[in-house]
């Protein structure tokens, strides 16, 4: 009988990796696929090493087929060491139940903390009927001092409302472990993927973390996302 807990499958030798003070950046699918596109793009711009794959029994009972091939539901963790240690969480699904969300997020944090993560950042889309041309950025955290530090560095507003899924749960559970945390939501339209919102997310992370990325226009981001998606998922 298959276990009802998330299975973590490490790449050869990856269990011994350590990245002291790393930042975990979440890129799971959500509103407008903002986080997923943004993290896929950033992964394409750095030398990233795959650390492990999370298989949750609480992922939706849905199988994707692409060109006749089965695509499993998963969440992967990648390590980028330069210009600063970053753990990128990239996947094509989120658990479909509250229990499953908690179980997977706790497992992700277990692995991230063991690797040396000390800051948890989540990305997401803030669905609105009308979005501004600039695509406003909204930030939240369990630590007011983190919010103040962030809005001094990037143009952002303080968020008030609900955050659904891993984008909200990861920072809540991170706080329980004494970890600094930040949620960054970008105004997103009804289009999926919303490449304009993803571009704004990439720009904000780039500035906040001083990554030095040269970011393409929206068409370039969409092409990069598609090519990265085929390389990683298929």
Protein backbone atom coordinates (compact mmCIF):
# COMPACT_ATOMS: atom_id res chain seq x y z
CA UNK A 1 0.00 0.00 0.00
CA UNK A 2 1.38 3.39 -0.99
CA UNK A 3 2.30 5.68 1.92
CA UNK A 4 -0.03 8.59 2.68
CA UNK A 5 2.86 10.97 3.29
CA UNK A 6 4.89 12.96 0.80
CA UNK A 7 7.80 11.02 -0.63
CA UNK A 8 11.07 12.91 -1.09
CA UNK A 9 13.42 11.51 -3.73
CA UNK A 10 16.88 13.09 -3.67
CA UNK A 11 19.22 13.32 -6.61
CA UNK A 12 22.45 11.31 -6.18
CA UNK A 13 24.69 13.11 -3.67
CA UNK A 14 22.18 15.90 -3.05
CA UNK A 15 21.36 14.83 0.52
CA UNK A 16 24.80 16.10 1.55
CA UNK A 17 24.35 19.57 0.07
CA UNK A 18 24.31 22.60 2.34
CA UNK A 19 23.54 26.23 1.53
CA UNK A 20 23.79 28.23 4.71
CA UNK A 21 21.42 31.21 4.79
CA UNK A 22 19.67 30.22 1.55
CA UNK A 23 16.41 31.82 0.44
CA UNK A 24 13.59 29.49 -0.55
CA UNK A 25 11.48 30.92 -3.40
CA UNK A 26 8.20 29.13 -4.10
CA UNK A 27 7.03 28.69 -7.69
CA UNK A 28 3.97 26.42 -7.63
CA UNK A 29 0.95 26.94 -9.91
CA UNK A 30 -1.68 29.42 -8.75
CA UNK A 31 -3.52 32.49 -10.03
CA UNK A 32 -2.23 33.36 -13.49
CA UNK A 33 0.61 30.85 -13.04
CA UNK A 34 2.59 33.89 -11.90
CA UNK A 35 4.88 32.06 -9.47
CA UNK A 36 5.43 29.09 -11.79
CA UNK A 37 6.41 31.25 -14.77
CA UNK A 38 8.61 33.55 -12.68
CA UNK A 39 10.55 30.69 -11.07
CA UNK A 40 10.89 28.83 -14.38
CA UNK A 41 12.38 31.96 -15.92
CA UNK A 42 14.83 32.51 -13.07
CA UNK A 43 15.86 28.85 -13.17
CA UNK A 44 16.73 29.30 -16.84
CA UNK A 45 19.05 32.19 -16.01
CA UNK A 46 21.18 30.50 -13.34
CA UNK A 47 23.20 27.33 -13.00
CA UNK A 48 20.71 25.34 -10.96
CA UNK A 49 21.22 21.88 -9.50
CA UNK A 50 18.19 19.71 -8.87
CA UNK A 51 18.10 18.62 -5.24
CA UNK A 52 15.00 16.48 -4.94
CA UNK A 53 11.45 15.81 -6.06
CA UNK A 54 8.40 15.79 -3.80
CA UNK A 55 5.65 13.29 -4.64
CA UNK A 56 2.53 14.07 -2.63
CA UNK A 57 -0.33 11.54 -2.42
CA UNK A 58 -2.58 14.57 -2.05
CA UNK A 59 -1.87 16.01 -5.48
CA UNK A 60 -5.06 16.03 -7.62
CA UNK A 61 -5.99 12.69 -9.17
CA UNK A 62 -5.29 14.10 -12.60
CA UNK A 63 -2.77 12.80 -15.10
CA UNK A 64 -1.31 15.11 -17.74
CA UNK A 65 -0.50 13.76 -21.19
CA UNK A 66 1.80 15.65 -23.56
CA UNK A 67 2.61 14.24 -27.01
CA UNK A 68 1.44 10.85 -25.81
CA UNK A 69 3.70 10.91 -22.75
CA UNK A 70 2.49 10.82 -19.15
CA UNK A 71 3.62 13.84 -17.10
CA UNK A 72 3.56 13.14 -13.34
CA UNK A 73 2.39 15.70 -10.81
CA UNK A 74 5.37 16.86 -8.79
CA UNK A 75 7.24 19.63 -7.01
CA UNK A 76 11.01 19.92 -7.45
CA UNK A 77 13.63 21.72 -5.39
CA UNK A 78 16.64 23.30 -7.11
CA UNK A 79 19.73 24.91 -5.63
CA UNK A 80 21.42 27.98 -7.10
CA UNK A 81 24.66 28.92 -5.34
CA UNK A 82 25.56 32.18 -7.13
CA UNK A 83 25.08 35.13 -6.93
CA UNK A 84 23.44 34.14 -3.62
CA UNK A 85 22.21 30.78 -2.29
CA UNK A 86 18.63 30.26 -3.46
CA UNK A 87 16.39 27.21 -3.26
CA UNK A 88 13.81 27.35 -6.05
CA UNK A 89 10.64 25.30 -5.54
CA UNK A 90 9.12 24.52 -8.94
CA UNK A 91 6.21 22.23 -9.68
CA UNK A 92 3.11 21.61 -11.76
CA UNK A 93 0.58 20.95 -9.00
CA UNK A 94 -0.56 21.69 -5.46
CA UNK A 95 -2.43 19.33 -3.12
CA UNK A 96 -6.19 19.44 -3.46
CA UNK A 97 -6.98 19.26 0.26
CA UNK A 98 -6.11 21.38 3.27
CA UNK A 99 -4.48 18.42 5.00
CA UNK A 100 -2.42 17.71 1.91
CA UNK A 101 -1.29 21.33 1.73
CA UNK A 102 -0.08 21.26 5.32
CA UNK A 103 1.61 17.89 4.92
CA UNK A 104 3.49 18.89 1.75
CA UNK A 105 4.50 22.36 3.03
CA UNK A 106 5.87 20.90 6.27
CA UNK A 107 7.91 18.39 4.26
CA UNK A 108 9.24 21.13 1.98
CA UNK A 109 10.30 23.18 5.01
CA UNK A 110 11.93 20.13 6.62
CA UNK A 111 14.16 19.69 3.56
CA UNK A 112 14.79 23.43 3.07
CA UNK A 113 15.83 23.94 6.69
CA UNK A 114 18.12 20.90 6.59
CA UNK A 115 19.78 22.45 3.52
CA UNK A 116 20.30 25.73 5.37
CA UNK A 117 17.36 27.92 4.35
CA UNK A 118 16.70 30.86 6.66
CA UNK A 119 14.26 32.97 4.59
CA UNK A 120 11.06 31.77 2.91
CA UNK A 121 9.62 33.79 0.02
CA UNK A 122 6.41 32.92 -1.80
CA UNK A 123 5.11 34.36 -5.07
CA UNK A 124 1.63 34.46 -6.49
CA UNK A 125 -1.00 36.25 -8.49
CA UNK A 126 -3.55 38.60 -6.98
CA UNK A 127 -6.58 38.09 -9.19
CA UNK A 128 -8.44 41.32 -9.98
CA UNK A 129 -11.09 42.24 -12.54
CA UNK A 130 -9.17 45.38 -13.39
CA UNK A 131 -5.39 45.48 -13.20
CA UNK A 132 -3.10 48.47 -13.41
CA UNK A 133 -0.68 48.83 -16.29
CA UNK A 134 2.21 48.72 -13.83
CA UNK A 135 0.90 45.55 -12.15
CA UNK A 136 1.04 46.50 -8.49
CA UNK A 137 3.03 44.38 -6.07
CA UNK A 138 1.53 43.48 -2.68
CA UNK A 139 3.65 42.14 0.16
CA UNK A 140 2.92 40.53 3.50
CA UNK A 141 4.85 38.75 6.23
CA UNK A 142 4.47 37.55 9.79
CA UNK A 143 7.17 40.11 10.64
CA UNK A 144 6.35 43.83 10.27
CA UNK A 145 10.05 44.70 10.14
CA UNK A 146 10.44 42.50 7.05
CA UNK A 147 7.60 44.31 5.31
CA UNK A 148 9.16 47.68 6.07
CA UNK A 149 12.55 46.52 4.82
CA UNK A 150 11.04 45.27 1.57
CA UNK A 151 8.93 48.32 0.73
CA UNK A 152 11.98 50.52 1.23
CA UNK A 153 13.70 48.60 -1.55
CA UNK A 154 10.94 47.88 -4.08
CA UNK A 155 7.72 49.72 -4.96
CA UNK A 156 5.07 47.64 -3.20
CA UNK A 157 1.90 47.96 -1.16
CA UNK A 158 1.05 46.18 2.08
CA UNK A 159 -1.45 43.41 1.38
CA UNK A 160 -4.71 42.84 3.24
CA UNK A 161 -6.80 39.79 2.46
CA UNK A 162 -6.49 36.04 2.04
CA UNK A 163 -3.67 34.02 0.50
CA UNK A 164 -4.74 30.59 -0.71
CA UNK A 165 -2.50 27.54 -0.94
CA UNK A 166 1.24 27.18 -0.48
CA UNK A 167 1.90 30.90 -1.05
CA UNK A 168 0.27 31.69 2.29
CA UNK A 169 0.82 28.46 4.17
CA UNK A 170 4.58 28.27 3.67
CA UNK A 171 5.20 31.65 5.28
CA UNK A 172 2.83 30.84 8.16
CA UNK A 173 4.57 27.55 8.89
CA UNK A 174 7.96 29.20 8.41
CA UNK A 175 7.14 31.66 11.17
CA UNK A 176 6.34 28.77 13.51
CA UNK A 177 9.92 27.59 12.91
CA UNK A 178 11.37 31.03 13.60
CA UNK A 179 12.17 31.72 9.94
CA UNK A 180 11.95 35.12 8.28
CA UNK A 181 9.37 35.17 5.50
CA UNK A 182 7.68 37.18 2.76
CA UNK A 183 4.72 36.77 0.43
CA UNK A 184 4.74 38.75 -2.80
CA UNK A 185 1.50 38.91 -4.80
CA UNK A 186 1.27 40.57 -8.21
CA UNK A 187 -1.88 41.95 -9.78
CA UNK A 188 -3.00 39.30 -12.27
CA UNK A 189 -5.66 39.37 -14.96
CA UNK A 190 -7.84 36.51 -16.15
CA UNK A 191 -5.25 35.36 -18.70
CA UNK A 192 -3.29 32.21 -17.88
CA UNK A 193 -0.35 32.36 -17.89
CA UNK A 194 -0.22 36.08 -17.14
CA UNK A 195 3.24 36.90 -18.46
CA UNK A 196 2.90 40.60 -17.59
CA UNK A 197 2.39 39.75 -13.92
CA UNK A 198 5.20 37.19 -14.05
CA UNK A 199 7.54 39.81 -15.50
CA UNK A 200 6.71 42.14 -12.62
CA UNK A 201 7.39 39.33 -10.15
CA UNK A 202 10.78 38.62 -11.72
CA UNK A 203 11.70 42.30 -11.69
CA UNK A 204 10.72 42.63 -8.03
CA UNK A 205 12.71 39.58 -6.90
CA UNK A 206 15.66 40.70 -9.03
CA UNK A 207 15.73 44.11 -7.35
CA UNK A 208 15.01 42.86 -3.85
CA UNK A 209 17.78 40.25 -3.91
CA UNK A 210 20.25 42.15 -6.12
CA UNK A 211 20.44 39.24 -8.57
CA UNK A 212 21.68 41.32 -11.50
CA UNK A 213 19.38 39.65 -14.04
CA UNK A 214 18.87 41.18 -17.48
CA UNK A 215 15.16 40.54 -17.93
CA UNK A 216 13.61 40.04 -21.36
CA UNK A 217 10.36 41.55 -22.57
CA UNK A 218 7.07 39.70 -22.18
CA UNK A 219 7.49 37.79 -25.45
CA UNK A 220 10.95 36.67 -24.40
CA UNK A 221 9.67 35.55 -21.00
CA UNK A 222 6.89 33.51 -22.61
CA UNK A 223 9.32 31.78 -24.99
CA UNK A 224 11.73 31.06 -22.16
CA UNK A 225 8.94 29.67 -20.00
CA UNK A 226 7.75 27.29 -22.71
CA UNK A 227 11.26 26.03 -23.44
CA UNK A 228 12.01 25.63 -19.72
CA UNK A 229 8.71 23.84 -19.17
CA UNK A 230 9.51 21.28 -21.87
CA UNK A 231 13.04 20.81 -20.56
CA UNK A 232 12.02 20.33 -16.91
CA UNK A 233 8.59 18.69 -17.09
CA UNK A 234 8.56 16.65 -20.29
